[in-house]
Amino acid sequence: ANYFDSPATGVTRRWTVQQGPAGTRILTVRVLVASGIAA
C-alpha cells in the first residue's frame, strides 16, 4: 500500500523510500512491463 501503482495494462510500478543523508531521501522505482513477447 502507497508504494505501487499500475499506470497501464501489463505495467506495474513499485517503489521504496529510504532515509538519505541530511534532509534527503533515496527513491528506487522498479517498473515491470509484462506485455508482448519479452517481459
ModelCIF file with pLDDT and N, C-alpha, C, O atoms, coordinates in Angstrom:
data_MODEL
#
_entry.id   MODEL 
#
_entity.id                         1 
_entity.type                       polymer 
_entity.pdbx_number_of_molecules   1 
#
_entity_poly.entity_id                      1 
_entity_poly.type                           'polypeptide(L)' 
_entity_poly.nstd_linkage                   no 
_entity_poly.nstd_monomer                   no 
_entity_poly.pdbx_seq_one_letter_code       ANYFDSPATGVTRRWTVQQGPAGTRILTVRVLVASGIAA 
_entity_poly.pdbx_seq_one_letter_code_can   ANYFDSPATGVTRRWTVQQGPAGTRILTVRVLVASGIAA 
_entity_poly.pdbx_strand_id                 A 
#
loop_
_entity_poly_seq.entity_id 
_entity_poly_seq.num 
_entity_poly_seq.mon_id 
_entity_poly_seq.hetero 
1 1  ALA n 
1 2  ASN n 
1 3  TYR n 
1 4  PHE n 
1 5  ASP n 
1 6  SER n 
1 7  PRO n 
1 8  ALA n 
1 9  THR n 
1 10 GLY n 
1 11 VAL n 
1 12 THR n 
1 13 ARG n 
1 14 ARG n 
1 15 TRP n 
1 16 THR n 
1 17 VAL n 
1 18 GLN n 
1 19 GLN n 
1 20 GLY n 
1 21 PRO n 
1 22 ALA n 
1 23 GLY n 
1 24 THR n 
1 25 ARG n 
1 26 ILE n 
1 27 LEU n 
1 28 THR n 
1 29 VAL n 
1 30 ARG n 
1 31 VAL n 
1 32 LEU n 
1 33 VAL n 
1 34 ALA n 
1 35 SER n 
1 36 GLY n 
1 37 ILE n 
1 38 ALA n 
1 39 ALA n 
#
_struct_asym.id          A 
_struct_asym.entity_id   1 
#
loop_
_ma_qa_metric.id 
_ma_qa_metric.mode 
_ma_qa_metric.name 
_ma_qa_metric.software_group_id 
_ma_qa_metric.type 
1 global pLDDT . pLDDT 
2 local  pLDDT . pLDDT 
#
_ma_qa_metric_global.metric_id      1 
_ma_qa_metric_global.metric_value   90.82 
_ma_qa_metric_global.model_id       1 
_ma_qa_metric_global.ordinal_id     1 
#
loop_
_ma_qa_metric_local.label_asym_id 
_ma_qa_metric_local.label_comp_id 
_ma_qa_metric_local.label_seq_id 
_ma_qa_metric_local.metric_id 
_ma_qa_metric_local.metric_value 
_ma_qa_metric_local.model_id 
_ma_qa_metric_local.ordinal_id 
A ALA 1  2 91.00 1 1  
A ASN 2  2 91.00 1 2  
A TYR 3  2 94.00 1 3  
A PHE 4  2 94.00 1 4  
A ASP 5  2 94.00 1 5  
A SER 6  2 94.00 1 6  
A PRO 7  2 93.00 1 7  
A ALA 8  2 90.00 1 8  
A THR 9  2 91.00 1 9  
A GLY 10 2 90.00 1 10 
A VAL 11 2 93.00 1 11 
A THR 12 2 95.00 1 12 
A ARG 13 2 96.00 1 13 
A ARG 14 2 96.00 1 14 
A TRP 15 2 95.00 1 15 
A THR 16 2 95.00 1 16 
A VAL 17 2 93.00 1 17 
A GLN 18 2 93.00 1 18 
A GLN 19 2 92.00 1 19 
A GLY 20 2 89.00 1 20 
A PRO 21 2 89.00 1 21 
A ALA 22 2 86.00 1 22 
A GLY 23 2 83.00 1 23 
A THR 24 2 88.00 1 24 
A ARG 25 2 90.00 1 25 
A ILE 26 2 93.00 1 26 
A LEU 27 2 94.00 1 27 
A THR 28 2 95.00 1 28 
A VAL 29 2 96.00 1 29 
A ARG 30 2 96.00 1 30 
A VAL 31 2 96.00 1 31 
A LEU 32 2 95.00 1 32 
A VAL 33 2 93.00 1 33 
A ALA 34 2 89.00 1 34 
A SER 35 2 79.00 1 35 
A GLY 36 2 74.00 1 36 
A ILE 37 2 80.00 1 37 
A ALA 38 2 81.00 1 38 
A ALA 39 2 86.00 1 39 
#
loop_
_atom_site.group_PDB 
_atom_site.id 
_atom_site.type_symbol 
_atom_site.label_atom_id 
_atom_site.label_alt_id 
_atom_site.label_comp_id 
_atom_site.label_asym_id 
_atom_site.label_entity_id 
_atom_site.label_seq_id 
_atom_site.pdbx_PDB_ins_code 
_atom_site.Cartn_x 
_atom_site.Cartn_y 
_atom_site.Cartn_z 
_atom_site.occupancy 
_atom_site.B_iso_or_equiv 
_atom_site.pdbx_formal_charge 
_atom_site.auth_seq_id 
_atom_site.auth_comp_id 
_atom_site.auth_asym_id 
_atom_site.auth_atom_id 
_atom_site.pdbx_PDB_model_num 
ATOM 1   N N  . ALA A 1 1  ? 0.839  -1.204  0.000   1.00 91.00 ? 1  ALA A N  1 
ATOM 2   C CA . ALA A 1 1  ? 0.000  0.000   0.000   1.00 91.00 ? 1  ALA A CA 1 
ATOM 3   C C  . ALA A 1 1  ? 0.872  1.251   0.000   1.00 91.00 ? 1  ALA A C  1 
ATOM 4   O O  . ALA A 1 1  ? 1.850  1.325   0.743   1.00 91.00 ? 1  ALA A O  1 
ATOM 5   N N  . ASN A 1 2  ? 0.524  2.237   -0.830  1.00 91.00 ? 2  ASN A N  1 
ATOM 6   C CA . ASN A 1 2  ? 1.204  3.524   -1.005  1.00 91.00 ? 2  ASN A CA 1 
ATOM 7   C C  . ASN A 1 2  ? 2.541  3.416   -1.733  1.00 91.00 ? 2  ASN A C  1 
ATOM 8   O O  . ASN A 1 2  ? 3.201  4.434   -1.943  1.00 91.00 ? 2  ASN A O  1 
ATOM 9   N N  . TYR A 1 3  ? 2.955  2.223   -2.119  1.00 94.00 ? 3  TYR A N  1 
ATOM 10  C CA . TYR A 1 3  ? 4.254  2.067   -2.777  1.00 94.00 ? 3  TYR A CA 1 
ATOM 11  C C  . TYR A 1 3  ? 4.156  1.303   -4.099  1.00 94.00 ? 3  TYR A C  1 
ATOM 12  O O  . TYR A 1 3  ? 5.121  0.661   -4.514  1.00 94.00 ? 3  TYR A O  1 
ATOM 13  N N  . PHE A 1 4  ? 3.003  1.368   -4.761  1.00 94.00 ? 4  PHE A N  1 
ATOM 14  C CA . PHE A 1 4  ? 2.883  0.775   -6.095  1.00 94.00 ? 4  PHE A CA 1 
ATOM 15  C C  . PHE A 1 4  ? 1.717  1.418   -6.829  1.00 94.00 ? 4  PHE A C  1 
ATOM 16  O O  . PHE A 1 4  ? 0.809  1.978   -6.215  1.00 94.00 ? 4  PHE A O  1 
ATOM 17  N N  . ASP A 1 5  ? 1.759  1.330   -8.142  1.00 94.00 ? 5  ASP A N  1 
ATOM 18  C CA . ASP A 1 5  ? 0.631  1.700   -8.989  1.00 94.00 ? 5  ASP A CA 1 
ATOM 19  C C  . ASP A 1 5  ? 0.747  0.930   -10.300 1.00 94.00 ? 5  ASP A C  1 
ATOM 20  O O  . ASP A 1 5  ? 1.769  0.309   -10.590 1.00 94.00 ? 5  ASP A O  1 
ATOM 21  N N  . SER A 1 6  ? -0.316 0.987   -11.073 1.00 94.00 ? 6  SER A N  1 
ATOM 22  C CA . SER A 1 6  ? -0.354 0.298   -12.359 1.00 94.00 ? 6  SER A CA 1 
ATOM 23  C C  . SER A 1 6  ? -0.904 1.274   -13.394 1.00 94.00 ? 6  SER A C  1 
ATOM 24  O O  . SER A 1 6  ? -2.113 1.330   -13.616 1.00 94.00 ? 6  SER A O  1 
ATOM 25  N N  . PRO A 1 7  ? -0.013 2.049   -14.031 1.00 93.00 ? 7  PRO A N  1 
ATOM 26  C CA . PRO A 1 7  ? -0.466 3.110   -14.929 1.00 93.00 ? 7  PRO A CA 1 
ATOM 27  C C  . PRO A 1 7  ? -1.030 2.624   -16.266 1.00 93.00 ? 7  PRO A C  1 
ATOM 28  O O  . PRO A 1 7  ? -1.739 3.372   -16.938 1.00 93.00 ? 7  PRO A O  1 
ATOM 29  N N  . ALA A 1 8  ? -0.731 1.392   -16.658 1.00 90.00 ? 8  ALA A N  1 
ATOM 30  C CA . ALA A 1 8  ? -1.225 0.869   -17.932 1.00 90.00 ? 8  ALA A CA 1 
ATOM 31  C C  . ALA A 1 8  ? -1.363 -0.647  -17.804 1.00 90.00 ? 8  ALA A C  1 
ATOM 32  O O  . ALA A 1 8  ? -0.837 -1.254  -16.871 1.00 90.00 ? 8  ALA A O  1 
ATOM 33  N N  . THR A 1 9  ? -2.068 -1.239  -18.740 1.00 91.00 ? 9  THR A N  1 
ATOM 34  C CA . THR A 1 9  ? -2.238 -2.685  -18.748 1.00 91.00 ? 9  THR A CA 1 
ATOM 35  C C  . THR A 1 9  ? -0.886 -3.372  -18.926 1.00 91.00 ? 9  THR A C  1 
ATOM 36  O O  . THR A 1 9  ? -0.145 -3.060  -19.859 1.00 91.00 ? 9  THR A O  1 
ATOM 37  N N  . GLY A 1 10 ? -0.573 -4.292  -18.044 1.00 90.00 ? 10 GLY A N  1 
ATOM 38  C CA . GLY A 1 10 ? 0.682  -5.028  -18.131 1.00 90.00 ? 10 GLY A CA 1 
ATOM 39  C C  . GLY A 1 10 ? 1.881  -4.303  -17.542 1.00 90.00 ? 10 GLY A C  1 
ATOM 40  O O  . GLY A 1 10 ? 3.007  -4.788  -17.649 1.00 90.00 ? 10 GLY A O  1 
ATOM 41  N N  . VAL A 1 11 ? 1.654  -3.131  -16.914 1.00 93.00 ? 11 VAL A N  1 
ATOM 42  C CA . VAL A 1 11 ? 2.751  -2.348  -16.333 1.00 93.00 ? 11 VAL A CA 1 
ATOM 43  C C  . VAL A 1 11 ? 2.492  -2.158  -14.845 1.00 93.00 ? 11 VAL A C  1 
ATOM 44  O O  . VAL A 1 11 ? 1.413  -1.719  -14.448 1.00 93.00 ? 11 VAL A O  1 
ATOM 45  N N  . THR A 1 12 ? 3.486  -2.489  -14.025 1.00 95.00 ? 12 THR A N  1 
ATOM 46  C CA . THR A 1 12 ? 3.402  -2.281  -12.576 1.00 95.00 ? 12 THR A CA 1 
ATOM 47  C C  . THR A 1 12 ? 4.623  -1.496  -12.136 1.00 95.00 ? 12 THR A C  1 
ATOM 48  O O  . THR A 1 12 ? 5.756  -1.845  -12.471 1.00 95.00 ? 12 THR A O  1 
ATOM 49  N N  . ARG A 1 13 ? 4.381  -0.427  -11.378 1.00 96.00 ? 13 ARG A N  1 
ATOM 50  C CA . ARG A 1 13 ? 5.480  0.364   -10.812 1.00 96.00 ? 13 ARG A CA 1 
ATOM 51  C C  . ARG A 1 13 ? 5.462  0.189   -9.301  1.00 96.00 ? 13 ARG A C  1 
ATOM 52  O O  . ARG A 1 13 ? 4.429  0.354   -8.652  1.00 96.00 ? 13 ARG A O  1 
ATOM 53  N N  . ARG A 1 14 ? 6.623  -0.146  -8.756  1.00 96.00 ? 14 ARG A N  1 
ATOM 54  C CA . ARG A 1 14 ? 6.772  -0.269  -7.309  1.00 96.00 ? 14 ARG A CA 1 
ATOM 55  C C  . ARG A 1 14 ? 7.948  0.597   -6.905  1.00 96.00 ? 14 ARG A C  1 
ATOM 56  O O  . ARG A 1 14 ? 8.895  0.769   -7.672  1.00 96.00 ? 14 ARG A O  1 
ATOM 57  N N  . TRP A 1 15 ? 7.888  1.141   -5.696  1.00 95.00 ? 15 TRP A N  1 
ATOM 58  C CA . TRP A 1 15 ? 8.996  1.960   -5.241  1.00 95.00 ? 15 TRP A CA 1 
ATOM 59  C C  . TRP A 1 15 ? 9.222  1.793   -3.754  1.00 95.00 ? 15 TRP A C  1 
ATOM 60  O O  . TRP A 1 15 ? 8.353  1.351   -3.002  1.00 95.00 ? 15 TRP A O  1 
ATOM 61  N N  . THR A 1 16 ? 10.415 2.163   -3.368  1.00 95.00 ? 16 THR A N  1 
ATOM 62  C CA . THR A 1 16 ? 10.785 2.144   -1.961  1.00 95.00 ? 16 THR A CA 1 
ATOM 63  C C  . THR A 1 16 ? 11.440 3.485   -1.638  1.00 95.00 ? 16 THR A C  1 
ATOM 64  O O  . THR A 1 16 ? 12.085 4.099   -2.488  1.00 95.00 ? 16 THR A O  1 
ATOM 65  N N  . VAL A 1 17 ? 11.261 3.925   -0.393  1.00 93.00 ? 17 VAL A N  1 
ATOM 66  C CA . VAL A 1 17 ? 11.832 5.199   0.056   1.00 93.00 ? 17 VAL A CA 1 
ATOM 67  C C  . VAL A 1 17 ? 12.709 4.899   1.270   1.00 93.00 ? 17 VAL A C  1 
ATOM 68  O O  . VAL A 1 17 ? 12.257 4.288   2.238   1.00 93.00 ? 17 VAL A O  1 
ATOM 69  N N  . GLN A 1 18 ? 13.968 5.336   1.208   1.00 93.00 ? 18 GLN A N  1 
ATOM 70  C CA . GLN A 1 18 ? 14.911 5.142   2.313   1.00 93.00 ? 18 GLN A CA 1 
ATOM 71  C C  . GLN A 1 18 ? 15.429 6.503   2.762   1.00 93.00 ? 18 GLN A C  1 
ATOM 72  O O  . GLN A 1 18 ? 15.471 7.463   1.993   1.00 93.00 ? 18 GLN A O  1 
ATOM 73  N N  . GLN A 1 19 ? 15.818 6.553   4.021   1.00 92.00 ? 19 GLN A N  1 
ATOM 74  C CA . GLN A 1 19 ? 16.397 7.791   4.548   1.00 92.00 ? 19 GLN A CA 1 
ATOM 75  C C  . GLN A 1 19 ? 17.756 8.012   3.877   1.00 92.00 ? 19 GLN A C  1 
ATOM 76  O O  . GLN A 1 19 ? 18.586 7.106   3.808   1.00 92.00 ? 19 GLN A O  1 
ATOM 77  N N  . GLY A 1 20 ? 17.959 9.227   3.389   1.00 89.00 ? 20 GLY A N  1 
ATOM 78  C CA . GLY A 1 20 ? 19.232 9.609   2.778   1.00 89.00 ? 20 GLY A CA 1 
ATOM 79  C C  . GLY A 1 20 ? 19.998 10.531  3.703   1.00 89.00 ? 20 GLY A C  1 
ATOM 80  O O  . GLY A 1 20 ? 19.549 10.771  4.824   1.00 89.00 ? 20 GLY A O  1 
ATOM 81  N N  . PRO A 1 21 ? 21.116 11.047  3.286   1.00 89.00 ? 21 PRO A N  1 
ATOM 82  C CA . PRO A 1 21 ? 21.899 11.954  4.119   1.00 89.00 ? 21 PRO A CA 1 
ATOM 83  C C  . PRO A 1 21 ? 21.223 13.322  4.250   1.00 89.00 ? 21 PRO A C  1 
ATOM 84  O O  . PRO A 1 21 ? 20.736 13.860  3.256   1.00 89.00 ? 21 PRO A O  1 
ATOM 85  N N  . ALA A 1 22 ? 21.185 13.885  5.441   1.00 86.00 ? 22 ALA A N  1 
ATOM 86  C CA . ALA A 1 22 ? 20.775 15.257  5.766   1.00 86.00 ? 22 ALA A CA 1 
ATOM 87  C C  . ALA A 1 22 ? 19.648 15.824  4.910   1.00 86.00 ? 22 ALA A C  1 
ATOM 88  O O  . ALA A 1 22 ? 19.895 16.555  3.951   1.00 86.00 ? 22 ALA A O  1 
ATOM 89  N N  . GLY A 1 23 ? 18.422 15.486  5.257   1.00 83.00 ? 23 GLY A N  1 
ATOM 90  C CA . GLY A 1 23 ? 17.256 16.085  4.597   1.00 83.00 ? 23 GLY A CA 1 
ATOM 91  C C  . GLY A 1 23 ? 16.980 15.536  3.207   1.00 83.00 ? 23 GLY A C  1 
ATOM 92  O O  . GLY A 1 23 ? 16.326 16.203  2.405   1.00 83.00 ? 23 GLY A O  1 
ATOM 93  N N  . THR A 1 24 ? 17.451 14.364  2.910   1.00 88.00 ? 24 THR A N  1 
ATOM 94  C CA . THR A 1 24 ? 17.187 13.754  1.598   1.00 88.00 ? 24 THR A CA 1 
ATOM 95  C C  . THR A 1 24 ? 16.579 12.367  1.792   1.00 88.00 ? 24 THR A C  1 
ATOM 96  O O  . THR A 1 24 ? 16.616 11.783  2.875   1.00 88.00 ? 24 THR A O  1 
ATOM 97  N N  . ARG A 1 25 ? 16.034 11.885  0.721   1.00 90.00 ? 25 ARG A N  1 
ATOM 98  C CA . ARG A 1 25 ? 15.515 10.522  0.711   1.00 90.00 ? 25 ARG A CA 1 
ATOM 99  C C  . ARG A 1 25 ? 15.975 9.855   -0.574  1.00 90.00 ? 25 ARG A C  1 
ATOM 100 O O  . ARG A 1 25 ? 16.120 10.503  -1.611  1.00 90.00 ? 25 ARG A O  1 
ATOM 101 N N  . ILE A 1 26 ? 16.200 8.565   -0.491  1.00 93.00 ? 26 ILE A N  1 
ATOM 102 C CA . ILE A 1 26 ? 16.624 7.792   -1.661  1.00 93.00 ? 26 ILE A CA 1 
ATOM 103 C C  . ILE A 1 26 ? 15.404 7.038   -2.192  1.00 93.00 ? 26 ILE A C  1 
ATOM 104 O O  . ILE A 1 26 ? 14.796 6.229   -1.491  1.00 93.00 ? 26 ILE A O  1 
ATOM 105 N N  . LEU A 1 27 ? 15.068 7.323   -3.434  1.00 94.00 ? 27 LEU A N  1 
ATOM 106 C CA . LEU A 1 27 ? 13.925 6.675   -4.082  1.00 94.00 ? 27 LEU A CA 1 
ATOM 107 C C  . LEU A 1 27 ? 14.427 5.635   -5.072  1.00 94.00 ? 27 LEU A C  1 
ATOM 108 O O  . LEU A 1 27 ? 15.311 5.907   -5.884  1.00 94.00 ? 27 LEU A O  1 
ATOM 109 N N  . THR A 1 28 ? 13.863 4.466   -4.996  1.00 95.00 ? 28 THR A N  1 
ATOM 110 C CA . THR A 1 28 ? 14.128 3.432   -6.001  1.00 95.00 ? 28 THR A CA 1 
ATOM 111 C C  . THR A 1 28 ? 12.792 3.021   -6.581  1.00 95.00 ? 28 THR A C  1 
ATOM 112 O O  . THR A 1 28 ? 11.884 2.613   -5.858  1.00 95.00 ? 28 THR A O  1 
ATOM 113 N N  . VAL A 1 29 ? 12.682 3.132   -7.896  1.00 96.00 ? 29 VAL A N  1 
ATOM 114 C CA . VAL A 1 29 ? 11.449 2.764   -8.597  1.00 96.00 ? 29 VAL A CA 1 
ATOM 115 C C  . VAL A 1 29 ? 11.758 1.556   -9.470  1.00 96.00 ? 29 VAL A C  1 
ATOM 116 O O  . VAL A 1 29 ? 12.719 1.563   -10.240 1.00 96.00 ? 29 VAL A O  1 
ATOM 117 N N  . ARG A 1 30 ? 10.947 0.535   -9.343  1.00 96.00 ? 30 ARG A N  1 
ATOM 118 C CA . ARG A 1 30 ? 11.062 -0.663  -10.191 1.00 96.00 ? 30 ARG A CA 1 
ATOM 119 C C  . ARG A 1 30 ? 9.818  -0.729  -11.070 1.00 96.00 ? 30 ARG A C  1 
ATOM 120 O O  . ARG A 1 30 ? 8.690  -0.686  -10.577 1.00 96.00 ? 30 ARG A O  1 
ATOM 121 N N  . VAL A 1 31 ? 10.039 -0.835  -12.371 1.00 96.00 ? 31 VAL A N  1 
ATOM 122 C CA . VAL A 1 31 ? 8.932  -0.927  -13.324 1.00 96.00 ? 31 VAL A CA 1 
ATOM 123 C C  . VAL A 1 31 ? 8.982  -2.300  -13.978 1.00 96.00 ? 31 VAL A C  1 
ATOM 124 O O  . VAL A 1 31 ? 10.010 -2.714  -14.515 1.00 96.00 ? 31 VAL A O  1 
ATOM 125 N N  . LEU A 1 32 ? 7.850  -2.999  -13.923 1.00 95.00 ? 32 LEU A N  1 
ATOM 126 C CA . LEU A 1 32 ? 7.715  -4.320  -14.544 1.00 95.00 ? 32 LEU A CA 1 
ATOM 127 C C  . LEU A 1 32 ? 6.758  -4.188  -15.723 1.00 95.00 ? 32 LEU A C  1 
ATOM 128 O O  . LEU A 1 32 ? 5.604  -3.796  -15.555 1.00 95.00 ? 32 LEU A O  1 
ATOM 129 N N  . VAL A 1 33 ? 7.243  -4.517  -16.913 1.00 93.00 ? 33 VAL A N  1 
ATOM 130 C CA . VAL A 1 33 ? 6.397  -4.495  -18.111 1.00 93.00 ? 33 VAL A CA 1 
ATOM 131 C C  . VAL A 1 33 ? 6.238  -5.939  -18.565 1.00 93.00 ? 33 VAL A C  1 
ATOM 132 O O  . VAL A 1 33 ? 7.209  -6.591  -18.949 1.00 93.00 ? 33 VAL A O  1 
ATOM 133 N N  . ALA A 1 34 ? 5.010  -6.428  -18.519 1.00 89.00 ? 34 ALA A N  1 
ATOM 134 C CA . ALA A 1 34 ? 4.747  -7.829  -18.842 1.00 89.00 ? 34 ALA A CA 1 
ATOM 135 C C  . ALA A 1 34 ? 3.944  -7.984  -20.123 1.00 89.00 ? 34 ALA A C  1 
ATOM 136 O O  . ALA A 1 34 ? 3.379  -9.053  -20.354 1.00 89.00 ? 34 ALA A O  1 
ATOM 137 N N  . SER A 1 35 ? 3.871  -6.970  -20.954 1.00 79.00 ? 35 SER A N  1 
ATOM 138 C CA . SER A 1 35 ? 3.111  -7.089  -22.199 1.00 79.00 ? 35 SER A CA 1 
ATOM 139 C C  . SER A 1 35 ? 4.050  -7.487  -23.334 1.00 79.00 ? 35 SER A C  1 
ATOM 140 O O  . SER A 1 35 ? 5.254  -7.240  -23.268 1.00 79.00 ? 35 SER A O  1 
ATOM 141 N N  . GLY A 1 36 ? 3.499  -8.098  -24.361 1.00 74.00 ? 36 GLY A N  1 
ATOM 142 C CA . GLY A 1 36 ? 4.305  -8.507  -25.507 1.00 74.00 ? 36 GLY A CA 1 
ATOM 143 C C  . GLY A 1 36 ? 5.000  -9.834  -25.265 1.00 74.00 ? 36 GLY A C  1 
ATOM 144 O O  . GLY A 1 36 ? 4.630  -10.592 -24.369 1.00 74.00 ? 36 GLY A O  1 
ATOM 145 N N  . ILE A 1 37 ? 6.007  -10.102 -26.073 1.00 80.00 ? 37 ILE A N  1 
ATOM 146 C CA . ILE A 1 37 ? 6.719  -11.383 -26.015 1.00 80.00 ? 37 ILE A CA 1 
ATOM 147 C C  . ILE A 1 37 ? 7.721  -11.422 -24.874 1.00 80.00 ? 37 ILE A C  1 
ATOM 148 O O  . ILE A 1 37 ? 7.825  -12.428 -24.172 1.00 80.00 ? 37 ILE A O  1 
ATOM 149 N N  . ALA A 1 38 ? 8.461  -10.332 -24.683 1.00 81.00 ? 38 ALA A N  1 
ATOM 150 C CA . ALA A 1 38 ? 9.545  -10.321 -23.696 1.00 81.00 ? 38 ALA A CA 1 
ATOM 151 C C  . ALA A 1 38 ? 9.231  -9.345  -22.568 1.00 81.00 ? 38 ALA A C  1 
ATOM 152 O O  . ALA A 1 38 ? 9.101  -8.143  -22.802 1.00 81.00 ? 38 ALA A O  1 
ATOM 153 N N  . ALA A 1 39 ? 9.108  -9.858  -21.343 1.00 86.00 ? 39 ALA A N  1 
ATOM 154 C CA . ALA A 1 39 ? 8.873  -9.005  -20.173 1.00 86.00 ? 39 ALA A CA 1 
ATOM 155 C C  . ALA A 1 39 ? 10.171 -8.297  -19.808 1.00 86.00 ? 39 ALA A C  1 
ATOM 156 O O  . ALA A 1 39 ? 10.204 -7.525  -18.849 1.00 86.00 ? 39 ALA A O  1 
#
